[in-house]
Protein backbone atom coordinates (compact mmCIF):
# COMPACT_ATOMS: atom_id res chain seq x y z
CA UNK A 1 0.00 0.00 0.00
CA UNK A 2 1.19 3.47 -0.68
CA UNK A 3 1.76 5.83 2.16
CA UNK A 4 -0.62 8.77 2.45
CA UNK A 5 0.97 12.04 1.40
CA UNK A 6 1.08 14.87 3.86
CA UNK A 7 -0.43 18.21 2.97
CA UNK A 8 2.51 20.57 2.84
CA UNK A 9 2.25 24.33 2.74
CA UNK A 10 3.70 25.43 -0.58
CA UNK A 11 5.21 28.84 -1.06
CA UNK A 12 4.80 29.80 -4.72
CA UNK A 13 7.73 32.22 -4.43
CA UNK A 14 9.97 29.37 -3.27
CA UNK A 15 8.85 27.28 -6.24
CA UNK A 16 9.77 30.12 -8.61
CA UNK A 17 13.18 30.50 -6.90
CA UNK A 18 13.73 26.76 -7.25
CA UNK A 19 12.84 26.81 -10.95
CA UNK A 20 15.14 29.80 -11.43
CA UNK A 21 17.93 27.75 -9.81
CA UNK A 22 17.25 24.96 -12.32
CA UNK A 23 17.44 27.46 -15.17
CA UNK A 24 20.77 28.75 -13.87
CA UNK A 25 22.20 25.25 -13.51
CA UNK A 26 21.11 24.32 -17.03
CA UNK A 27 22.72 27.47 -18.39
CA UNK A 28 25.94 26.44 -16.64
CA UNK A 29 25.72 22.97 -18.18
CA UNK A 30 25.10 24.44 -21.63
CA UNK A 31 28.04 26.81 -21.20
CA UNK A 32 30.25 23.89 -20.15
CA UNK A 33 29.16 21.77 -23.10
CA UNK A 34 29.75 24.67 -25.46
CA UNK A 35 33.29 25.06 -24.10
CA UNK A 36 33.89 21.33 -24.38
CA UNK A 37 33.06 21.18 -28.06
CA UNK A 38 35.22 24.25 -28.71
CA UNK A 39 38.30 22.52 -27.26
CA UNK A 40 37.83 18.77 -27.06
CA UNK A 41 41.55 18.27 -26.46
CA UNK A 42 41.22 19.90 -23.03
CA UNK A 43 38.30 17.69 -22.02
CA UNK A 44 38.91 15.19 -19.22
CA UNK A 45 36.82 12.38 -17.84
CA UNK A 46 36.52 14.41 -14.64
CA UNK A 47 34.90 17.25 -16.59
CA UNK A 48 32.23 14.89 -17.88
CA UNK A 49 31.75 13.36 -14.44
CA UNK A 50 31.32 16.83 -12.91
CA UNK A 51 28.76 17.77 -15.53
CA UNK A 52 26.88 14.51 -15.06
CA UNK A 53 26.86 15.03 -11.28
CA UNK A 54 25.55 18.59 -11.60
CA UNK A 55 22.76 17.55 -13.98
CA UNK A 56 21.77 14.55 -11.85
CA UNK A 57 21.71 16.69 -8.70
CA UNK A 58 19.66 19.34 -10.49
CA UNK A 59 17.12 16.78 -11.62
CA UNK A 60 16.77 14.93 -8.33
CA UNK A 61 17.19 17.68 -5.74
CA UNK A 62 15.81 20.73 -7.50
CA UNK A 63 13.64 20.01 -10.53
CA UNK A 64 11.70 17.01 -9.25
CA UNK A 65 10.56 18.75 -6.03
CA UNK A 66 9.68 21.87 -8.02
CA UNK A 67 7.54 19.87 -10.46
CA UNK A 68 5.78 18.19 -7.53
CA UNK A 69 5.15 21.58 -5.90
CA UNK A 70 3.77 23.12 -9.09
CA UNK A 71 1.51 20.08 -9.45
CA UNK A 72 0.20 20.65 -5.93
CA UNK A 73 -0.35 24.34 -6.59
CA UNK A 74 -2.28 23.55 -9.77
CA UNK A 75 -4.01 20.52 -8.28
CA UNK A 76 -2.63 18.01 -10.77
CA UNK A 77 -0.20 15.14 -10.49
CA UNK A 78 3.00 15.17 -12.60
CA UNK A 79 1.51 12.49 -14.87
CA UNK A 80 -1.44 14.78 -15.60
CA UNK A 81 -3.92 12.95 -13.41
CA UNK A 82 -5.78 14.60 -10.58
CA UNK A 83 -4.12 13.70 -7.25
CA UNK A 84 -5.99 11.30 -5.01
CA UNK A 85 -6.94 12.61 -1.61
CA UNK A 86 -8.24 10.67 1.33
PDB file of N, CA and C in Angstrom:
ATOM      1  N   UNK A   1       0.838  -1.190   0.000  1.00  0.00           N
ATOM      2  CA  UNK A   1       0.000   0.000   0.000  1.00  0.00           C
ATOM      3  C   UNK A   1       0.872   1.239   0.000  1.00  0.00           C
ATOM      4  N   UNK A   2       0.423   2.235  -0.678  1.00  0.00           N
ATOM      5  CA  UNK A   2       1.191   3.473  -0.684  1.00  0.00           C
ATOM      6  C   UNK A   2       0.890   4.274   0.563  1.00  0.00           C
ATOM      7  N   UNK A   3       1.906   5.011   0.973  1.00  0.00           N
ATOM      8  CA  UNK A   3       1.759   5.827   2.165  1.00  0.00           C
ATOM      9  C   UNK A   3       0.982   7.081   1.824  1.00  0.00           C
ATOM     10  N   UNK A   4       0.107   7.532   2.734  1.00  0.00           N
ATOM     11  CA  UNK A   4      -0.620   8.773   2.445  1.00  0.00           C
ATOM     12  C   UNK A   4       0.348   9.952   2.420  1.00  0.00           C
ATOM     13  N   UNK A   5       0.119  10.880   1.483  1.00  0.00           N
ATOM     14  CA  UNK A   5       0.974  12.042   1.398  1.00  0.00           C
ATOM     15  C   UNK A   5       0.475  13.106   2.352  1.00  0.00           C
ATOM     16  N   UNK A   6       1.431  13.800   2.943  1.00  0.00           N
ATOM     17  CA  UNK A   6       1.083  14.871   3.863  1.00  0.00           C
ATOM     18  C   UNK A   6       0.766  16.127   3.066  1.00  0.00           C
ATOM     19  N   UNK A   7      -0.185  16.905   3.557  1.00  0.00           N
ATOM     20  CA  UNK A   7      -0.428  18.207   2.966  1.00  0.00           C
ATOM     21  C   UNK A   7       0.661  19.137   3.452  1.00  0.00           C
ATOM     22  N   UNK A   8       1.383  19.705   2.512  1.00  0.00           N
ATOM     23  CA  UNK A   8       2.508  20.567   2.838  1.00  0.00           C
ATOM     24  C   UNK A   8       2.190  21.963   2.326  1.00  0.00           C
ATOM     25  N   UNK A   9       2.448  22.953   3.171  1.00  0.00           N
ATOM     26  CA  UNK A   9       2.253  24.334   2.736  1.00  0.00           C
ATOM     27  C   UNK A   9       3.288  24.640   1.657  1.00  0.00           C
ATOM     28  N   UNK A  10       2.822  25.153   0.541  1.00  0.00           N
ATOM     29  CA  UNK A  10       3.699  25.428  -0.583  1.00  0.00           C
ATOM     30  C   UNK A  10       3.773  26.935  -0.783  1.00  0.00           C
ATOM     31  N   UNK A  11       4.985  27.421  -0.816  1.00  0.00           N
ATOM     32  CA  UNK A  11       5.210  28.841  -1.058  1.00  0.00           C
ATOM     33  C   UNK A  11       5.495  29.015  -2.542  1.00  0.00           C
ATOM     34  N   UNK A  12       4.573  29.627  -3.286  1.00  0.00           N
ATOM     35  CA  UNK A  12       4.798  29.798  -4.725  1.00  0.00           C
ATOM     36  C   UNK A  12       6.089  30.550  -5.040  1.00  0.00           C
ATOM     37  N   UNK A  13       6.484  31.494  -4.197  1.00  0.00           N
ATOM     38  CA  UNK A  13       7.729  32.219  -4.432  1.00  0.00           C
ATOM     39  C   UNK A  13       8.929  31.293  -4.332  1.00  0.00           C
ATOM     40  N   UNK A  14       8.887  30.334  -3.413  1.00  0.00           N
ATOM     41  CA  UNK A  14       9.968  29.365  -3.272  1.00  0.00           C
ATOM     42  C   UNK A  14      10.035  28.463  -4.506  1.00  0.00           C
ATOM     43  N   UNK A  15       8.878  28.102  -5.035  1.00  0.00           N
ATOM     44  CA  UNK A  15       8.852  27.285  -6.244  1.00  0.00           C
ATOM     45  C   UNK A  15       9.505  28.036  -7.399  1.00  0.00           C
ATOM     46  N   UNK A  16       9.178  29.320  -7.534  1.00  0.00           N
ATOM     47  CA  UNK A  16       9.771  30.124  -8.608  1.00  0.00           C
ATOM     48  C   UNK A  16      11.281  30.240  -8.408  1.00  0.00           C
ATOM     49  N   UNK A  17      11.731  30.435  -7.169  1.00  0.00           N
ATOM     50  CA  UNK A  17      13.175  30.497  -6.896  1.00  0.00           C
ATOM     51  C   UNK A  17      13.839  29.174  -7.256  1.00  0.00           C
ATOM     52  N   UNK A  18      13.182  28.076  -6.945  1.00  0.00           N
ATOM     53  CA  UNK A  18      13.731  26.758  -7.255  1.00  0.00           C
ATOM     54  C   UNK A  18      13.837  26.560  -8.769  1.00  0.00           C
ATOM     55  N   UNK A  19      12.795  26.933  -9.494  1.00  0.00           N
ATOM     56  CA  UNK A  19      12.840  26.809 -10.950  1.00  0.00           C
ATOM     57  C   UNK A  19      13.895  27.732 -11.554  1.00  0.00           C
ATOM     58  N   UNK A  20      14.093  28.899 -10.955  1.00  0.00           N
ATOM     59  CA  UNK A  20      15.143  29.801 -11.429  1.00  0.00           C
ATOM     60  C   UNK A  20      16.518  29.170 -11.195  1.00  0.00           C
ATOM     61  N   UNK A  21      16.678  28.450 -10.085  1.00  0.00           N
ATOM     62  CA  UNK A  21      17.929  27.745  -9.807  1.00  0.00           C
ATOM     63  C   UNK A  21      18.175  26.677 -10.879  1.00  0.00           C
ATOM     64  N   UNK A  22      17.121  25.963 -11.261  1.00  0.00           N
ATOM     65  CA  UNK A  22      17.248  24.957 -12.325  1.00  0.00           C
ATOM     66  C   UNK A  22      17.702  25.628 -13.618  1.00  0.00           C
ATOM     67  N   UNK A  23      17.068  26.743 -13.949  1.00  0.00           N
ATOM     68  CA  UNK A  23      17.435  27.457 -15.174  1.00  0.00           C
ATOM     69  C   UNK A  23      18.903  27.851 -15.144  1.00  0.00           C
ATOM     70  N   UNK A  24      19.367  28.343 -14.007  1.00  0.00           N
ATOM     71  CA  UNK A  24      20.766  28.749 -13.868  1.00  0.00           C
ATOM     72  C   UNK A  24      21.709  27.558 -14.027  1.00  0.00           C
ATOM     73  N   UNK A  25      21.358  26.443 -13.407  1.00  0.00           N
ATOM     74  CA  UNK A  25      22.203  25.248 -13.513  1.00  0.00           C
ATOM     75  C   UNK A  25      22.247  24.728 -14.946  1.00  0.00           C
ATOM     76  N   UNK A  26      21.121  24.770 -15.630  1.00  0.00           N
ATOM     77  CA  UNK A  26      21.106  24.318 -17.026  1.00  0.00           C
ATOM     78  C   UNK A  26      21.926  25.244 -17.910  1.00  0.00           C
ATOM     79  N   UNK A  27      21.883  26.533 -17.635  1.00  0.00           N
ATOM     80  CA  UNK A  27      22.722  27.468 -18.393  1.00  0.00           C
ATOM     81  C   UNK A  27      24.195  27.151 -18.181  1.00  0.00           C
ATOM     82  N   UNK A  28      24.555  26.814 -16.939  1.00  0.00           N
ATOM     83  CA  UNK A  28      25.940  26.444 -16.640  1.00  0.00           C
ATOM     84  C   UNK A  28      26.333  25.191 -17.419  1.00  0.00           C
ATOM     85  N   UNK A  29      25.433  24.208 -17.446  1.00  0.00           N
ATOM     86  CA  UNK A  29      25.721  22.974 -18.182  1.00  0.00           C
ATOM     87  C   UNK A  29      25.877  23.251 -19.675  1.00  0.00           C
ATOM     88  N   UNK A  30      25.012  24.092 -20.216  1.00  0.00           N
ATOM     89  CA  UNK A  30      25.101  24.440 -21.634  1.00  0.00           C
ATOM     90  C   UNK A  30      26.417  25.159 -21.918  1.00  0.00           C
ATOM     91  N   UNK A  31      26.775  26.082 -21.051  1.00  0.00           N
ATOM     92  CA  UNK A  31      28.041  26.809 -21.203  1.00  0.00           C
ATOM     93  C   UNK A  31      29.213  25.833 -21.180  1.00  0.00           C
ATOM     94  N   UNK A  32      29.165  24.871 -20.245  1.00  0.00           N
ATOM     95  CA  UNK A  32      30.249  23.890 -20.146  1.00  0.00           C
ATOM     96  C   UNK A  32      30.322  23.025 -21.405  1.00  0.00           C
ATOM     97  N   UNK A  33      29.174  22.585 -21.884  1.00  0.00           N
ATOM     98  CA  UNK A  33      29.160  21.770 -23.099  1.00  0.00           C
ATOM     99  C   UNK A  33      29.651  22.565 -24.296  1.00  0.00           C
ATOM    100  N   UNK A  34      29.291  23.818 -24.369  1.00  0.00           N
ATOM    101  CA  UNK A  34      29.754  24.668 -25.462  1.00  0.00           C
ATOM    102  C   UNK A  34      31.291  24.762 -25.430  1.00  0.00           C
ATOM    103  N   UNK A  35      31.833  24.989 -24.240  1.00  0.00           N
ATOM    104  CA  UNK A  35      33.287  25.056 -24.099  1.00  0.00           C
ATOM    105  C   UNK A  35      33.964  23.745 -24.445  1.00  0.00           C
ATOM    106  N   UNK A  36      33.311  22.639 -24.104  1.00  0.00           N
ATOM    107  CA  UNK A  36      33.893  21.327 -24.382  1.00  0.00           C
ATOM    108  C   UNK A  36      33.993  21.072 -25.879  1.00  0.00           C
ATOM    109  N   UNK A  37      32.976  21.463 -26.631  1.00  0.00           N
ATOM    110  CA  UNK A  37      33.058  21.182 -28.060  1.00  0.00           C
ATOM    111  C   UNK A  37      33.955  22.192 -28.781  1.00  0.00           C
ATOM    112  N   UNK A  38      34.278  23.304 -28.130  1.00  0.00           N
ATOM    113  CA  UNK A  38      35.224  24.254 -28.708  1.00  0.00           C
ATOM    114  C   UNK A  38      36.661  23.748 -28.595  1.00  0.00           C
ATOM    115  N   UNK A  39      36.942  23.030 -27.482  1.00  0.00           N
ATOM    116  CA  UNK A  39      38.304  22.521 -27.260  1.00  0.00           C
ATOM    117  C   UNK A  39      38.226  21.121 -26.666  1.00  0.00           C
ATOM    118  N   UNK A  40      37.973  20.153 -27.505  1.00  0.00           N
ATOM    119  CA  UNK A  40      37.829  18.772 -27.056  1.00  0.00           C
ATOM    120  C   UNK A  40      39.137  18.239 -26.486  1.00  0.00           C
ATOM    121  N   UNK A  41      40.253  18.774 -26.936  1.00  0.00           N
ATOM    122  CA  UNK A  41      41.547  18.274 -26.455  1.00  0.00           C
ATOM    123  C   UNK A  41      41.746  18.553 -24.966  1.00  0.00           C
ATOM    124  N   UNK A  42      41.090  19.574 -24.448  1.00  0.00           N
ATOM    125  CA  UNK A  42      41.224  19.901 -23.032  1.00  0.00           C
ATOM    126  C   UNK A  42      40.232  19.170 -22.145  1.00  0.00           C
ATOM    127  N   UNK A  43      39.348  18.394 -22.738  1.00  0.00           N
ATOM    128  CA  UNK A  43      38.297  17.690 -22.021  1.00  0.00           C
ATOM    129  C   UNK A  43      38.865  16.484 -21.272  1.00  0.00           C
ATOM    130  N   UNK A  44      38.486  16.347 -20.011  1.00  0.00           N
ATOM    131  CA  UNK A  44      38.910  15.186 -19.225  1.00  0.00           C
ATOM    132  C   UNK A  44      37.681  14.406 -18.778  1.00  0.00           C
ATOM    133  N   UNK A  45      37.911  13.200 -18.352  1.00  0.00           N
ATOM    134  CA  UNK A  45      36.817  12.377 -17.835  1.00  0.00           C
ATOM    135  C   UNK A  45      36.214  13.023 -16.596  1.00  0.00           C
ATOM    136  N   UNK A  46      37.026  13.726 -15.822  1.00  0.00           N
ATOM    137  CA  UNK A  46      36.518  14.413 -14.636  1.00  0.00           C
ATOM    138  C   UNK A  46      35.550  15.536 -15.003  1.00  0.00           C
ATOM    139  N   UNK A  47      35.810  16.200 -16.129  1.00  0.00           N
ATOM    140  CA  UNK A  47      34.896  17.247 -16.593  1.00  0.00           C
ATOM    141  C   UNK A  47      33.515  16.660 -16.880  1.00  0.00           C
ATOM    142  N   UNK A  48      33.507  15.544 -17.577  1.00  0.00           N
ATOM    143  CA  UNK A  48      32.231  14.892 -17.875  1.00  0.00           C
ATOM    144  C   UNK A  48      31.551  14.385 -16.611  1.00  0.00           C
ATOM    145  N   UNK A  49      32.318  13.848 -15.697  1.00  0.00           N
ATOM    146  CA  UNK A  49      31.753  13.360 -14.438  1.00  0.00           C
ATOM    147  C   UNK A  49      31.152  14.510 -13.634  1.00  0.00           C
ATOM    148  N   UNK A  50      31.841  15.659 -13.615  1.00  0.00           N
ATOM    149  CA  UNK A  50      31.316  16.829 -12.906  1.00  0.00           C
ATOM    150  C   UNK A  50      30.011  17.315 -13.523  1.00  0.00           C
ATOM    151  N   UNK A  51      29.965  17.339 -14.834  1.00  0.00           N
ATOM    152  CA  UNK A  51      28.761  17.773 -15.531  1.00  0.00           C
ATOM    153  C   UNK A  51      27.608  16.800 -15.277  1.00  0.00           C
ATOM    154  N   UNK A  52      27.902  15.511 -15.338  1.00  0.00           N
ATOM    155  CA  UNK A  52      26.883  14.505 -15.055  1.00  0.00           C
ATOM    156  C   UNK A  52      26.360  14.652 -13.629  1.00  0.00           C
ATOM    157  N   UNK A  53      27.255  14.869 -12.680  1.00  0.00           N
ATOM    158  CA  UNK A  53      26.857  15.026 -11.282  1.00  0.00           C
ATOM    159  C   UNK A  53      25.958  16.250 -11.117  1.00  0.00           C
ATOM    160  N   UNK A  54      26.341  17.376 -11.727  1.00  0.00           N
ATOM    161  CA  UNK A  54      25.550  18.587 -11.601  1.00  0.00           C
ATOM    162  C   UNK A  54      24.153  18.398 -12.194  1.00  0.00           C
ATOM    163  N   UNK A  55      24.065  17.761 -13.359  1.00  0.00           N
ATOM    164  CA  UNK A  55      22.763  17.554 -13.982  1.00  0.00           C
ATOM    165  C   UNK A  55      21.906  16.579 -13.177  1.00  0.00           C
ATOM    166  N   UNK A  56      22.509  15.517 -12.663  1.00  0.00           N
ATOM    167  CA  UNK A  56      21.767  14.549 -11.848  1.00  0.00           C
ATOM    168  C   UNK A  56      21.253  15.203 -10.570  1.00  0.00           C
ATOM    169  N   UNK A  57      22.105  15.987  -9.926  1.00  0.00           N
ATOM    170  CA  UNK A  57      21.709  16.688  -8.702  1.00  0.00           C
ATOM    171  C   UNK A  57      20.585  17.686  -8.997  1.00  0.00           C
ATOM    172  N   UNK A  58      20.691  18.381 -10.108  1.00  0.00           N
ATOM    173  CA  UNK A  58      19.665  19.342 -10.490  1.00  0.00           C
ATOM    174  C   UNK A  58      18.323  18.636 -10.691  1.00  0.00           C
ATOM    175  N   UNK A  59      18.345  17.520 -11.369  1.00  0.00           N
ATOM    176  CA  UNK A  59      17.118  16.778 -11.617  1.00  0.00           C
ATOM    177  C   UNK A  59      16.502  16.268 -10.322  1.00  0.00           C
ATOM    178  N   UNK A  60      17.298  15.589  -9.509  1.00  0.00           N
ATOM    179  CA  UNK A  60      16.771  14.925  -8.325  1.00  0.00           C
ATOM    180  C   UNK A  60      16.471  15.866  -7.155  1.00  0.00           C
ATOM    181  N   UNK A  61      17.326  16.850  -6.935  1.00  0.00           N
ATOM    182  CA  UNK A  61      17.194  17.678  -5.736  1.00  0.00           C
ATOM    183  C   UNK A  61      16.503  19.006  -5.976  1.00  0.00           C
ATOM    184  N   UNK A  62      16.387  19.415  -7.229  1.00  0.00           N
ATOM    185  CA  UNK A  62      15.805  20.725  -7.498  1.00  0.00           C
ATOM    186  C   UNK A  62      14.581  20.619  -8.402  1.00  0.00           C
ATOM    187  N   UNK A  63      14.737  20.018  -9.559  1.00  0.00           N
ATOM    188  CA  UNK A  63      13.642  20.012 -10.527  1.00  0.00           C
ATOM    189  C   UNK A  63      12.485  19.108 -10.109  1.00  0.00           C
ATOM    190  N   UNK A  64      12.769  17.916  -9.635  1.00  0.00           N
ATOM    191  CA  UNK A  64      11.701  17.005  -9.246  1.00  0.00           C
ATOM    192  C   UNK A  64      10.825  17.589  -8.135  1.00  0.00           C
ATOM    193  N   UNK A  65      11.411  18.127  -7.043  1.00  0.00           N
ATOM    194  CA  UNK A  65      10.558  18.748  -6.027  1.00  0.00           C
ATOM    195  C   UNK A  65       9.777  19.959  -6.563  1.00  0.00           C
ATOM    196  N   UNK A  66      10.373  20.711  -7.463  1.00  0.00           N
ATOM    197  CA  UNK A  66       9.678  21.873  -8.023  1.00  0.00           C
ATOM    198  C   UNK A  66       8.480  21.432  -8.862  1.00  0.00           C
ATOM    199  N   UNK A  67       8.649  20.389  -9.654  1.00  0.00           N
ATOM    200  CA  UNK A  67       7.539  19.868 -10.457  1.00  0.00           C
ATOM    201  C   UNK A  67       6.423  19.377  -9.540  1.00  0.00           C
ATOM    202  N   UNK A  68       6.784  18.671  -8.488  1.00  0.00           N
ATOM    203  CA  UNK A  68       5.783  18.189  -7.529  1.00  0.00           C
ATOM    204  C   UNK A  68       5.035  19.364  -6.895  1.00  0.00           C
ATOM    205  N   UNK A  69       5.764  20.415  -6.532  1.00  0.00           N
ATOM    206  CA  UNK A  69       5.147  21.582  -5.901  1.00  0.00           C
ATOM    207  C   UNK A  69       4.209  22.299  -6.861  1.00  0.00           C
ATOM    208  N   UNK A  70       4.634  22.469  -8.102  1.00  0.00           N
ATOM    209  CA  UNK A  70       3.765  23.116  -9.093  1.00  0.00           C
ATOM    210  C   UNK A  70       2.502  22.274  -9.296  1.00  0.00           C
ATOM    211  N   UNK A  71       2.667  20.965  -9.337  1.00  0.00           N
ATOM    212  CA  UNK A  71       1.508  20.081  -9.451  1.00  0.00           C
ATOM    213  C   UNK A  71       0.535  20.266  -8.301  1.00  0.00           C
ATOM    214  N   UNK A  72       1.067  20.419  -7.086  1.00  0.00           N
ATOM    215  CA  UNK A  72       0.202  20.646  -5.931  1.00  0.00           C
ATOM    216  C   UNK A  72      -0.491  21.994  -6.025  1.00  0.00           C
ATOM    217  N   UNK A  73       0.237  23.005  -6.453  1.00  0.00           N
ATOM    218  CA  UNK A  73      -0.352  24.339  -6.587  1.00  0.00           C
ATOM    219  C   UNK A  73      -1.499  24.303  -7.599  1.00  0.00           C
ATOM    220  N   UNK A  74      -1.277  23.605  -8.711  1.00  0.00           N
ATOM    221  CA  UNK A  74      -2.278  23.546  -9.771  1.00  0.00           C
ATOM    222  C   UNK A  74      -3.325  22.460  -9.546  1.00  0.00           C
ATOM    223  N   UNK A  75      -3.063  21.587  -8.581  1.00  0.00           N
ATOM    224  CA  UNK A  75      -4.014  20.517  -8.284  1.00  0.00           C
ATOM    225  C   UNK A  75      -3.964  19.363  -9.255  1.00  0.00           C
ATOM    226  N   UNK A  76      -2.792  19.136  -9.865  1.00  0.00           N
ATOM    227  CA  UNK A  76      -2.633  18.008 -10.768  1.00  0.00           C
ATOM    228  C   UNK A  76      -1.376  17.236 -10.413  1.00  0.00           C
ATOM    229  N   UNK A  77      -1.388  15.967 -10.722  1.00  0.00           N
ATOM    230  CA  UNK A  77      -0.204  15.135 -10.494  1.00  0.00           C
ATOM    231  C   UNK A  77       0.735  15.304 -11.681  1.00  0.00           C
ATOM    232  N   UNK A  78       2.043  15.023 -11.500  1.00  0.00           N
ATOM    233  CA  UNK A  78       2.999  15.174 -12.604  1.00  0.00           C
ATOM    234  C   UNK A  78       2.630  14.380 -13.851  1.00  0.00           C
ATOM    235  N   UNK A  79       1.910  13.284 -13.703  1.00  0.00           N
ATOM    236  CA  UNK A  79       1.512  12.487 -14.873  1.00  0.00           C
ATOM    237  C   UNK A  79       0.256  13.026 -15.540  1.00  0.00           C
ATOM    238  N   UNK A  80      -0.268  14.144 -15.012  1.00  0.00           N
ATOM    239  CA  UNK A  80      -1.444  14.776 -15.598  1.00  0.00           C
ATOM    240  C   UNK A  80      -2.750  14.376 -14.948  1.00  0.00           C
ATOM    241  N   UNK A  81      -2.700  13.387 -14.076  1.00  0.00           N
ATOM    242  CA  UNK A  81      -3.920  12.948 -13.410  1.00  0.00           C
ATOM    243  C   UNK A  81      -4.178  13.801 -12.166  1.00  0.00           C
ATOM    244  N   UNK A  82      -5.428  13.882 -11.805  1.00  0.00           N
ATOM    245  CA  UNK A  82      -5.776  14.595 -10.580  1.00  0.00           C
ATOM    246  C   UNK A  82      -5.255  13.792  -9.399  1.00  0.00           C
ATOM    247  N   UNK A  83      -4.652  14.439  -8.405  1.00  0.00           N
ATOM    248  CA  UNK A  83      -4.123  13.704  -7.254  1.00  0.00           C
ATOM    249  C   UNK A  83      -5.271  13.090  -6.445  1.00  0.00           C
ATOM    250  N   UNK A  84      -4.987  11.932  -5.863  1.00  0.00           N
ATOM    251  CA  UNK A  84      -5.989  11.299  -5.013  1.00  0.00           C
ATOM    252  C   UNK A  84      -5.840  11.832  -3.607  1.00  0.00           C
ATOM    253  N   UNK A  85      -6.953  12.121  -2.998  1.00  0.00           N
ATOM    254  CA  UNK A  85      -6.935  12.610  -1.612  1.00  0.00           C
ATOM    255  C   UNK A  85      -7.845  11.712  -0.791  1.00  0.00           C
ATOM    256  N   UNK A  86      -7.464  11.518   0.442  1.00  0.00           N
ATOM    257  CA  UNK A  86      -8.244  10.666   1.330  1.00  0.00           C
ATOM    258  C   UNK A  86      -8.629  11.433   2.562  1.00  0.00           C
TER     259      UNK A  86
END
